Amino acid sequence: MTDEGADDVRSRALDAYLAQREADGYLIETRSSLQAVICRRHSLHFVLRWFARDGAQERFVVSVDQHCKVTSVAAEPVRW
């Protein structure tokens, strides 16, 4: 399989994962063909961001490896 074909498979794996997360209420902040940053905000986000920044939203960096395995790790909070 060519690198281009492998990247297409990896991109489709990421698409499927992101579709699942969107159904769970996550929003896609940024996305490339092999990586994305997603977040889910608490319903009281605009109040909590002043008092409990860590509880205001969840952010994750999602990436796909060469074996089409999708992983997510906690992302740094947005700095204001």
Protein backbone atom coordinates (compact mmCIF):
# COMPACT_ATOMS: atom_id res chain seq x y z
CA MET A 1 0.00 0.00 0.00
CA THR A 2 1.36 3.44 -0.85
CA ASP A 3 1.87 6.11 1.78
CA GLU A 4 -0.98 8.07 0.22
CA GLY A 5 -3.32 5.06 0.48
CA ALA A 6 -2.26 4.43 4.07
CA ASP A 7 -2.96 8.06 4.95
CA ASP A 8 -6.45 7.71 3.45
CA VAL A 9 -7.16 4.68 5.65
CA ARG A 10 -5.83 6.51 8.70
CA SER A 11 -7.91 9.57 7.87
CA ARG A 12 -11.05 7.43 7.59
CA ALA A 13 -10.29 5.86 10.98
CA LEU A 14 -10.02 9.35 12.47
CA ASP A 15 -13.25 10.40 10.73
CA ALA A 16 -15.11 7.47 12.28
CA TYR A 17 -13.73 8.20 15.76
CA LEU A 18 -14.59 11.89 15.51
CA ALA A 19 -18.13 11.10 14.37
CA GLN A 20 -18.58 8.99 17.52
CA ARG A 21 -17.24 11.77 19.73
CA GLU A 22 -19.48 14.38 18.05
CA ALA A 23 -22.46 12.17 18.86
CA ASP A 24 -21.26 12.27 22.50
CA GLY A 25 -21.32 16.09 22.46
CA TYR A 26 -17.70 16.90 21.60
CA LEU A 27 -16.81 19.71 19.19
CA ILE A 28 -13.84 19.62 16.84
CA GLU A 29 -11.57 22.61 17.49
CA THR A 30 -8.90 21.82 14.90
CA ARG A 31 -8.27 18.97 12.54
CA SER A 32 -5.64 17.73 10.12
CA SER A 33 -5.72 14.46 8.19
CA LEU A 34 -4.14 12.51 11.08
CA GLN A 35 -4.80 14.55 14.22
CA ALA A 36 -7.54 16.63 15.85
CA VAL A 37 -8.26 18.59 19.01
CA ILE A 38 -11.74 18.06 20.41
CA CYS A 39 -13.54 19.56 23.39
CA ARG A 40 -16.76 19.23 25.31
CA ARG A 41 -17.91 22.17 27.33
CA HIS A 42 -19.92 21.99 30.51
CA SER A 43 -23.39 23.50 30.14
CA LEU A 44 -22.36 26.25 32.58
CA HIS A 45 -19.06 26.83 30.77
CA PHE A 46 -19.23 30.62 30.78
CA VAL A 47 -19.64 30.71 34.58
CA LEU A 48 -17.25 27.86 35.41
CA ARG A 49 -14.41 29.25 33.32
CA TRP A 50 -14.02 32.05 35.88
CA PHE A 51 -14.21 29.87 38.99
CA ALA A 52 -13.23 26.31 38.05
CA ARG A 53 -11.29 26.43 34.81
CA ASP A 54 -10.47 22.73 34.89
CA GLY A 55 -14.16 21.83 35.16
CA ALA A 56 -15.36 24.17 32.43
CA GLN A 57 -14.37 21.96 29.50
CA GLU A 58 -12.65 18.74 28.54
CA ARG A 59 -10.05 18.90 25.74
CA PHE A 60 -8.28 16.03 24.02
CA VAL A 61 -5.68 15.62 21.29
CA VAL A 62 -6.77 12.73 19.07
CA SER A 63 -4.31 11.09 16.68
CA VAL A 64 -4.01 8.02 14.47
CA ASP A 65 -0.86 5.88 14.34
CA GLN A 66 0.52 3.91 11.40
CA HIS A 67 -1.60 0.89 12.40
CA CYS A 68 -4.85 2.96 12.27
CA LYS A 69 -5.15 2.91 16.05
CA VAL A 70 -6.84 6.07 17.33
CA THR A 71 -5.64 7.43 20.66
CA SER A 72 -6.58 10.48 22.67
CA VAL A 73 -4.69 12.27 25.41
CA ALA A 74 -5.69 15.20 27.56
CA ALA A 75 -4.84 18.53 25.99
CA GLU A 76 -3.66 21.64 27.75
CA PRO A 77 -6.45 24.01 28.76
CA VAL A 78 -7.02 27.04 26.57
CA ARG A 79 -5.09 30.01 27.92
CA TRP A 80 -7.06 33.26 28.07
